[in-house]
Amino acid sequence: MKQIDVVGLSGDSPLSLHPSARMALEKADILYGSERQLALVPGYKANYRQIPSPFSQLQAEITQLMTPEHAAEHMVLLASGDPLFYGIGGWLTRWIKGVNLCFHPQPSAIQLAFSRIGKPWEQACVLSVHGRPLSTLRREAGRHTLLAVLTDNNNHPIAIAQALVDMHFGDSTIWVAEDLETRSEKVSCFSAKELAQSTQTFSPLNVVIIETRGQSALSPSFPGLPNTAFSTGSPAGQGMLTKREVRLAALAQLQPPPGTTGWDIGAGCGGLAVEWARWSIQSRIYAIETNPARLEHLHINQQRFGVESNLQIVAGRAPDALQALPTPHSIYLGGSQGQATEILAYCWERLAPGGRIVIPAVTLETRAALVTLAQGKPAEWLEIAVASGKRAGPLTMMQPQRPVLLLTLEKS
């Protein structure tokens, strides 16, 4: 099997390369890298080639070089630091098949940055906003006290600081590490408030470390997003939204395994789908909704809570809108618009073995329909009746919410 070596570089000197990496460079017939990377390893016999732009062209070029007429040619790709840590390695393992990938890593920029500020980082949350939404930071800031962020020209240190201030994390400490392992290396420390107001410029080769301080309803540290934090079109947060107590109970009934696909049918303004996506980061959640006004709020909440990466909004009516979606392991059937029997039959057919469907009911008619739907299937019933304290002049009264019945079906 043909082998491709991926050699990590750190800083502006290749002197620290492992002997196996040097041997790969010496054997290389074709050497791919950025202009800066290629300049760091001059003098080898290889045909030097810059990684094409757009990056997607690299797959076609590598595929061509794997044909029989190029069988004897040895290929090496240059990368930054550890290629398997937010680097080209992940892309290669997904898209390049039928080849032996051999990696020669160097310390990653994140590892170097933590070493410079003298902080252990085994519990740090590492995230990338390089070519990705900065709102991802909202999902993580309240859940972790130490974050490391890979940046780009748009999501630069000042933009990150402003996002923290907007989330009420303005007292957080930020370190910006620039040009690590080069002669122009620099590490600076700021408060988020201070950096957000700065006009300082930074090298494009930077990473950001954040020690968070603060608390925000948009980035809580524990499940149970406040109803009033959602955009619903109602000042009291009482629009088309699965309320917090029902939302948490429904997700507990679903028990969605990490890394699986979930459907929220009739997602409304996104209460359940957003909560699901926020705490099940490795899963892919599809929120299906047909009402234009609710879809507008669903999009707002997707961005507000930083779940664009794993929550996909599908505008359409079930079951037709479900046809092209991946096989689900978990389904919340929150709205059926009078087609519950047809939708449930389709969902049951598509549901992966071992998967679960949870269906809520409020009215007697819907409850009666669920009894019929559950016939012949292993079912679990749970009724949720919640009352909350409301002020009535100088007194406090318990005001009940409408009881919600949850039917859970598990496919064997």
Protein backbone atom coordinates (compact mmCIF):
# COMPACT_ATOMS: atom_id res chain seq x y z
CA MET A 1 0.00 0.00 0.00
CA LYS A 2 1.26 3.46 -0.92
CA GLN A 3 2.46 5.58 2.00
CA ILE A 4 2.07 9.32 2.53
CA ASP A 5 4.17 10.95 5.26
CA VAL A 6 2.80 14.01 7.05
CA VAL A 7 5.56 16.03 8.72
CA GLY A 8 4.73 18.61 11.37
CA LEU A 9 6.81 21.78 11.61
CA SER A 10 7.09 24.05 14.61
CA GLY A 11 8.36 27.64 14.52
CA ASP A 12 10.84 28.84 11.91
CA SER A 13 13.51 26.16 12.27
CA PRO A 14 13.31 22.47 11.30
CA LEU A 15 16.31 21.56 13.45
CA SER A 16 14.19 19.69 16.01
CA LEU A 17 12.72 17.26 13.47
CA HIS A 18 12.76 13.62 14.51
CA PRO A 19 15.08 11.39 12.43
CA SER A 20 12.06 9.58 10.97
CA ALA A 21 10.69 12.92 9.72
CA ARG A 22 14.05 13.82 8.17
CA MET A 23 14.20 10.43 6.48
CA ALA A 24 10.72 11.00 5.01
CA LEU A 25 11.84 14.37 3.60
CA GLU A 26 14.96 12.80 2.10
CA LYS A 27 12.89 10.09 0.38
CA ALA A 28 10.24 12.52 -0.88
CA ASP A 29 9.65 12.85 -4.62
CA ILE A 30 6.77 15.30 -4.14
CA LEU A 31 6.60 17.71 -1.22
CA TYR A 32 3.41 19.67 -0.46
CA GLY A 33 3.18 22.62 1.91
CA SER A 34 2.40 26.31 2.23
CA GLU A 35 4.90 28.81 0.85
CA ARG A 36 6.19 29.49 4.38
CA GLN A 37 6.50 25.80 5.23
CA LEU A 38 8.33 24.89 2.02
CA ALA A 39 10.83 27.67 2.68
CA LEU A 40 11.70 26.04 6.03
CA VAL A 41 12.94 22.79 4.44
CA PRO A 42 15.07 23.79 1.44
CA GLY A 43 17.57 21.59 -0.35
CA TYR A 44 15.70 18.31 -0.70
CA LYS A 45 15.43 16.54 -4.06
CA ALA A 46 11.61 16.59 -4.02
CA ASN A 47 9.37 18.45 -6.44
CA TYR A 48 8.12 21.30 -4.20
CA ARG A 49 4.42 22.08 -4.60
CA GLN A 50 2.25 24.60 -2.77
CA ILE A 51 -1.01 23.24 -1.35
CA PRO A 52 -3.64 24.41 -3.86
CA SER A 53 -6.37 26.92 -3.18
CA PRO A 54 -9.19 26.11 -2.73
CA PHE A 55 -8.00 23.37 -0.43
CA SER A 56 -10.49 20.88 -1.92
CA GLN A 57 -8.28 20.58 -5.02
CA LEU A 58 -5.68 18.78 -2.93
CA GLN A 59 -7.87 15.67 -2.78
CA ALA A 60 -7.98 15.44 -6.59
CA GLU A 61 -4.22 15.94 -6.87
CA ILE A 62 -3.44 13.29 -4.24
CA THR A 63 -5.87 10.86 -5.89
CA GLN A 64 -4.09 11.38 -9.21
CA LEU A 65 -0.70 10.75 -7.58
CA MET A 66 -1.98 7.43 -6.23
CA THR A 67 -2.57 5.97 -9.71
CA PRO A 68 -0.28 3.13 -10.95
CA GLU A 69 1.88 5.42 -13.11
CA HIS A 70 2.89 7.33 -9.94
CA ALA A 71 3.25 4.24 -7.75
CA ALA A 72 7.00 4.69 -7.24
CA GLU A 73 6.73 8.35 -6.20
CA HIS A 74 6.91 9.10 -2.50
CA MET A 75 4.73 11.95 -1.24
CA VAL A 76 5.20 14.11 1.86
CA LEU A 77 2.85 16.79 3.20
CA LEU A 78 4.02 19.52 5.55
CA ALA A 79 1.78 20.62 8.42
CA SER A 80 1.83 22.87 11.47
CA GLY A 81 2.70 21.24 14.80
CA ASP A 82 0.64 18.12 15.33
CA PRO A 83 -1.21 17.30 12.06
CA LEU A 84 -3.82 15.28 13.99
CA PHE A 85 -4.77 18.19 16.26
CA TYR A 86 -7.07 20.53 14.33
CA GLY A 87 -4.74 20.04 11.36
CA ILE A 88 -4.58 18.45 7.94
CA GLY A 89 -4.43 14.98 9.50
CA GLY A 90 -8.13 14.90 10.30
CA TRP A 91 -9.02 15.84 6.73
CA LEU A 92 -6.67 13.21 5.31
CA THR A 93 -8.12 10.40 7.44
CA ARG A 94 -11.64 11.31 6.28
CA TRP A 95 -11.05 11.80 2.57
CA ILE A 96 -7.95 9.90 1.46
CA LYS A 97 -8.54 6.16 1.36
CA GLY A 98 -6.41 3.20 0.30
CA VAL A 99 -3.17 4.70 1.57
CA ASN A 100 -0.98 4.31 4.64
CA LEU A 101 -0.77 7.66 6.44
CA CYS A 102 2.34 8.09 8.59
CA PHE A 103 2.43 11.12 10.90
CA HIS A 104 5.51 12.86 12.35
CA PRO A 105 4.14 15.47 14.83
CA GLN A 106 5.78 18.42 16.52
CA PRO A 107 4.40 20.25 19.59
CA SER A 108 1.10 21.95 18.76
CA ALA A 109 0.64 25.71 19.07
CA ILE A 110 -1.77 25.11 21.96
CA GLN A 111 0.78 23.01 23.83
CA LEU A 112 3.46 25.66 23.30
CA ALA A 113 1.15 28.48 24.39
CA PHE A 114 0.31 26.80 27.69
CA SER A 115 3.98 26.14 28.31
CA ARG A 116 4.71 29.85 27.85
CA ILE A 117 2.18 30.94 30.48
CA GLY A 118 3.04 28.04 32.81
CA LYS A 119 -0.44 26.57 33.16
CA PRO A 120 -1.38 22.87 33.08
CA TRP A 121 -3.84 22.24 30.28
CA GLU A 122 -5.13 18.70 30.72
CA GLN A 123 -8.57 20.07 31.64
CA ALA A 124 -8.66 22.90 29.10
CA CYS A 125 -11.37 23.03 26.44
CA VAL A 126 -9.74 23.49 23.04
CA LEU A 127 -11.89 24.85 20.24
CA SER A 128 -11.30 26.26 16.80
CA VAL A 129 -13.00 29.32 15.35
CA HIS A 130 -10.74 29.16 12.30
CA GLY A 131 -13.27 29.38 9.49
CA ARG A 132 -16.04 28.57 11.96
CA PRO A 133 -18.68 30.65 13.77
CA LEU A 134 -17.40 32.65 16.72
CA SER A 135 -20.70 31.89 18.43
CA THR A 136 -19.22 28.45 19.24
CA LEU A 137 -17.51 30.31 22.08
CA ARG A 138 -20.92 30.93 23.67
CA ARG A 139 -21.49 27.21 23.98
CA GLU A 140 -18.25 26.63 25.86
CA ALA A 141 -17.48 29.75 27.92
CA GLY A 142 -19.84 28.91 30.78
CA ARG A 143 -18.93 25.23 30.86
CA HIS A 144 -15.16 25.61 31.22
CA THR A 145 -12.88 27.85 33.27
CA LEU A 146 -9.94 27.38 30.88
CA LEU A 147 -10.24 27.57 27.10
CA ALA A 148 -7.77 27.61 24.23
CA VAL A 149 -8.90 29.05 20.90
CA LEU A 150 -7.44 28.66 17.41
CA THR A 151 -8.19 31.90 15.56
CA ASP A 152 -8.35 33.35 12.04
CA ASN A 153 -8.37 36.81 10.45
CA ASN A 154 -12.06 37.38 11.23
CA ASN A 155 -12.22 35.69 14.63
CA HIS A 156 -9.13 37.44 15.98
CA PRO A 157 -8.22 38.12 19.63
CA ILE A 158 -10.13 41.43 19.83
CA ALA A 159 -13.28 39.87 18.35
CA ILE A 160 -13.01 37.04 20.88
CA ALA A 161 -12.62 39.55 23.73
CA GLN A 162 -15.69 41.49 22.55
CA ALA A 163 -17.72 38.27 22.40
CA LEU A 164 -16.74 37.53 26.01
CA VAL A 165 -17.76 41.02 27.12
CA ASP A 166 -21.12 40.63 25.34
CA MET A 167 -21.67 37.40 27.29
CA HIS A 168 -20.86 39.11 30.63
CA PHE A 169 -17.45 37.46 30.87
CA GLY A 170 -15.59 40.79 30.69
CA ASP A 171 -13.43 40.04 33.75
CA SER A 172 -11.89 36.99 32.09
CA THR A 173 -8.12 36.89 31.55
CA ILE A 174 -6.87 36.48 27.97
CA TRP A 175 -3.39 35.53 26.81
CA VAL A 176 -2.46 36.02 23.16
CA ALA A 177 0.52 33.95 22.01
CA GLU A 178 1.99 35.06 18.67
CA ASP A 179 4.56 33.50 16.32
CA LEU A 180 5.48 30.74 18.74
CA GLU A 181 8.93 29.16 18.31
CA THR A 182 10.10 32.02 16.06
CA ARG A 183 12.35 35.02 16.60
CA SER A 184 9.28 37.29 16.78
CA GLU A 185 7.50 35.21 19.44
CA LYS A 186 5.40 37.28 21.84
CA VAL A 187 2.91 36.49 24.62
CA SER A 188 0.61 39.23 25.97
CA CYS A 189 -1.95 39.23 28.79
CA PHE A 190 -5.17 41.29 29.02
CA SER A 191 -8.55 41.37 30.66
CA ALA A 192 -11.36 40.76 28.16
CA LYS A 193 -12.68 44.28 28.77
CA GLU A 194 -9.26 45.77 28.14
CA LEU A 195 -8.61 43.80 24.96
CA ALA A 196 -12.10 44.46 23.55
CA GLN A 197 -11.31 48.21 23.55
CA SER A 198 -7.81 47.81 22.17
CA THR A 199 -6.64 48.83 18.70
CA GLN A 200 -3.60 46.56 18.88
CA THR A 201 -2.85 44.30 15.94
CA PHE A 202 -1.61 40.73 16.24
CA SER A 203 0.28 38.35 14.03
CA PRO A 204 -2.03 36.05 12.03
CA LEU A 205 -0.13 33.14 13.65
CA ASN A 206 -1.67 33.42 17.11
CA VAL A 207 -3.59 31.34 19.62
CA VAL A 208 -5.73 32.64 22.48
CA ILE A 209 -5.99 31.21 25.99
CA ILE A 210 -8.90 32.29 28.21
CA GLU A 211 -9.40 31.94 31.94
CA THR A 212 -13.10 32.68 32.28
CA ARG A 213 -14.73 34.75 34.99
CA GLY A 214 -18.42 35.58 34.99
CA GLN A 215 -21.85 34.04 34.53
CA SER A 216 -24.32 34.29 31.68
CA ALA A 217 -27.78 32.92 30.89
CA LEU A 218 -26.57 32.40 27.32
CA SER A 219 -23.69 30.22 28.48
CA PRO A 220 -24.74 28.36 31.64
CA SER A 221 -22.58 25.74 33.27
CA PHE A 222 -25.33 23.14 33.65
CA PRO A 223 -28.33 21.89 31.59
CA GLY A 224 -31.58 23.79 31.89
CA LEU A 225 -31.48 26.92 29.73
CA PRO A 226 -33.88 29.60 31.09
CA ASN A 227 -37.07 29.95 29.05
CA THR A 228 -36.66 33.72 29.00
CA ALA A 229 -33.21 33.45 27.37
CA PHE A 230 -34.77 32.17 24.13
CA SER A 231 -36.07 34.32 21.30
CA THR A 232 -39.77 33.46 20.95
CA GLY A 233 -41.55 36.67 19.97
CA SER A 234 -42.97 36.85 23.50
CA PRO A 235 -41.42 39.06 26.22
CA ALA A 236 -42.12 36.41 28.85
CA GLY A 237 -40.53 33.68 26.79
CA GLN A 238 -43.86 31.85 26.47
CA GLY A 239 -43.91 31.47 22.69
CA MET A 240 -43.80 28.12 20.87
CA LEU A 241 -41.15 26.68 23.16
CA THR A 242 -40.80 23.41 25.06
CA LYS A 243 -40.51 24.65 28.64
CA ARG A 244 -37.44 23.86 30.71
CA GLU A 245 -38.89 21.16 32.99
CA VAL A 246 -40.49 19.26 30.10
CA ARG A 247 -37.42 19.80 27.93
CA LEU A 248 -35.08 18.20 30.46
CA ALA A 249 -37.47 15.33 31.20
CA ALA A 250 -37.90 14.61 27.47
CA LEU A 251 -34.14 14.55 26.88
CA ALA A 252 -33.71 12.27 29.89
CA GLN A 253 -36.26 9.92 28.31
CA LEU A 254 -34.55 10.08 24.93
CA GLN A 255 -31.11 9.28 26.40
CA PRO A 256 -29.40 10.17 23.10
CA PRO A 257 -26.00 8.45 22.81
CA PRO A 258 -23.05 10.68 21.84
CA GLY A 259 -22.17 10.86 18.17
CA THR A 260 -25.63 9.86 16.92
CA THR A 261 -28.30 11.61 14.83
CA GLY A 262 -31.44 13.11 16.34
CA TRP A 263 -34.64 14.60 14.93
CA ASP A 264 -36.79 17.26 16.63
CA ILE A 265 -39.99 17.29 14.58
CA GLY A 266 -42.09 20.39 15.04
CA ALA A 267 -39.18 22.17 16.69
CA GLY A 268 -41.01 25.47 17.22
CA CYS A 269 -38.57 28.14 18.42
CA GLY A 270 -35.96 25.49 19.21
CA GLY A 271 -36.08 25.03 22.99
CA LEU A 272 -35.52 21.28 22.97
CA ALA A 273 -33.32 21.16 19.86
CA VAL A 274 -30.98 23.87 21.16
CA GLU A 275 -30.69 22.29 24.60
CA TRP A 276 -30.07 18.90 22.96
CA ALA A 277 -27.37 20.24 20.63
CA ARG A 278 -25.70 22.25 23.38
CA TRP A 279 -25.10 19.31 25.71
CA SER A 280 -24.60 16.59 23.08
CA ILE A 281 -21.78 18.21 21.15
CA GLN A 282 -20.73 15.10 19.22
CA SER A 283 -24.27 14.44 17.95
CA ARG A 284 -25.98 15.87 14.88
CA ILE A 285 -29.44 17.31 15.57
CA TYR A 286 -31.99 18.16 12.86
CA ALA A 287 -34.75 20.63 13.83
CA ILE A 288 -37.73 20.34 11.49
CA GLU A 289 -40.22 23.21 11.44
CA THR A 290 -42.63 24.59 8.84
CA ASN A 291 -43.96 27.82 10.41
CA PRO A 292 -42.00 30.85 9.03
CA ALA A 293 -42.23 32.91 12.24
CA ARG A 294 -41.01 30.02 14.39
CA LEU A 295 -38.23 29.28 11.91
CA GLU A 296 -37.02 32.87 12.31
CA HIS A 297 -36.73 32.47 16.08
CA LEU A 298 -35.21 29.01 15.65
CA HIS A 299 -32.39 30.51 13.59
CA ILE A 300 -31.87 33.27 16.16
CA ASN A 301 -31.62 30.74 19.00
CA GLN A 302 -29.28 28.51 17.02
CA GLN A 303 -26.82 31.42 16.82
CA ARG A 304 -27.57 32.85 20.26
CA PHE A 305 -26.54 29.65 22.01
CA GLY A 306 -23.66 28.79 19.67
CA VAL A 307 -24.92 25.48 18.28
CA GLU A 308 -24.53 26.10 14.54
CA SER A 309 -21.92 23.36 14.29
CA ASN A 310 -24.22 20.48 15.24
CA LEU A 311 -27.79 21.80 14.91
CA GLN A 312 -29.17 21.87 11.38
CA ILE A 313 -32.50 23.56 10.70
CA VAL A 314 -34.81 21.94 8.15
CA ALA A 315 -37.66 24.09 6.82
CA GLY A 316 -40.48 21.77 5.84
CA ARG A 317 -43.34 19.54 6.91
CA ALA A 318 -42.94 15.98 8.15
CA PRO A 319 -42.87 13.31 6.89
CA ASP A 320 -41.83 14.72 3.49
CA ALA A 321 -39.05 16.86 5.02
CA LEU A 322 -37.55 13.78 6.67
CA GLN A 323 -36.84 11.83 3.49
CA ALA A 324 -33.28 13.11 2.91
CA LEU A 325 -32.18 13.12 6.57
CA PRO A 326 -29.73 10.57 8.01
CA THR A 327 -31.07 7.64 10.02
CA PRO A 328 -31.96 8.85 13.54
CA HIS A 329 -31.24 7.15 16.83
CA SER A 330 -33.47 9.56 18.79
CA ILE A 331 -36.65 11.41 17.76
CA TYR A 332 -38.71 14.00 19.62
CA LEU A 333 -42.10 14.33 17.92
CA GLY A 334 -43.17 17.68 19.32
CA GLY A 335 -45.64 18.63 16.62
CA SER A 336 -47.50 16.66 13.98
CA GLN A 337 -50.20 19.05 12.69
CA GLY A 338 -52.79 16.30 12.73
CA GLN A 339 -50.57 13.72 11.00
CA ALA A 340 -49.28 11.92 14.08
CA THR A 341 -50.21 8.43 12.86
CA GLU A 342 -48.53 8.88 9.48
CA ILE A 343 -45.43 10.60 10.92
CA LEU A 344 -44.98 8.06 13.71
CA ALA A 345 -45.23 5.17 11.24
CA TYR A 346 -42.54 6.74 9.08
CA CYS A 347 -40.32 7.58 12.09
CA TRP A 348 -40.67 4.07 13.52
CA GLU A 349 -39.57 2.61 10.18
CA ARG A 350 -36.55 4.92 9.93
CA LEU A 351 -35.52 4.73 13.61
CA ALA A 352 -32.26 2.84 14.24
CA PRO A 353 -32.49 -0.36 16.32
CA GLY A 354 -32.24 0.52 20.00
CA GLY A 355 -33.42 4.04 19.27
CA ARG A 356 -36.15 5.97 21.08
CA ILE A 357 -39.07 8.23 20.17
CA VAL A 358 -40.57 10.62 22.73
CA ILE A 359 -43.98 12.20 22.05
CA PRO A 360 -45.60 14.85 24.30
CA ALA A 361 -49.35 15.30 24.78
CA VAL A 362 -51.32 18.04 26.53
CA THR A 363 -54.93 17.70 25.33
CA LEU A 364 -57.19 14.72 26.07
CA GLU A 365 -57.59 14.10 22.35
CA THR A 366 -53.84 13.86 21.85
CA ARG A 367 -53.49 11.61 24.89
CA ALA A 368 -56.14 9.29 23.51
CA ALA A 369 -54.35 9.22 20.17
CA LEU A 370 -51.08 8.27 21.90
CA VAL A 371 -52.72 5.28 23.56
CA THR A 372 -53.70 4.04 20.11
CA LEU A 373 -50.28 4.80 18.65
CA ALA A 374 -48.52 2.90 21.43
CA GLN A 375 -50.45 -0.33 20.94
CA GLY A 376 -48.17 -3.28 20.22
CA LYS A 377 -45.01 -1.33 21.05
CA PRO A 378 -42.91 -1.29 24.26
CA ALA A 379 -44.03 1.96 25.87
CA GLU A 380 -43.15 4.06 28.90
CA TRP A 381 -45.48 6.77 30.20
CA LEU A 382 -44.47 9.81 32.25
CA GLU A 383 -46.68 12.72 33.29
CA ILE A 384 -45.08 16.02 34.28
CA ALA A 385 -47.09 18.47 36.38
CA VAL A 386 -45.12 21.55 37.42
CA ALA A 387 -46.17 24.57 39.49
CA SER A 388 -44.03 27.67 40.03
CA GLY A 389 -44.27 30.44 42.62
CA LYS A 390 -45.86 33.73 41.51
CA ARG A 391 -46.23 36.88 43.55
CA ALA A 392 -49.80 37.98 44.30
CA GLY A 393 -49.38 41.28 46.12
CA PRO A 394 -47.50 40.55 49.37
CA LEU A 395 -48.14 36.80 49.01
CA THR A 396 -46.75 33.97 46.92
CA MET A 397 -49.03 31.53 45.13
CA MET A 398 -48.17 28.36 43.24
CA GLN A 399 -49.29 28.68 39.63
CA PRO A 400 -49.53 25.34 37.83
CA GLN A 401 -48.46 24.75 34.26
CA ARG A 402 -50.52 22.48 32.03
CA PRO A 403 -49.58 18.85 32.73
CA VAL A 404 -47.67 17.17 29.90
CA LEU A 405 -47.76 13.45 29.21
CA LEU A 406 -44.63 11.96 27.63
CA LEU A 407 -44.83 8.68 25.72
CA THR A 408 -41.49 6.96 25.14
CA LEU A 409 -41.19 4.16 22.59
CA GLU A 410 -38.01 2.10 22.23
CA LYS A 411 -37.30 0.07 19.11
CA SER A 412 -35.78 -3.32 19.83
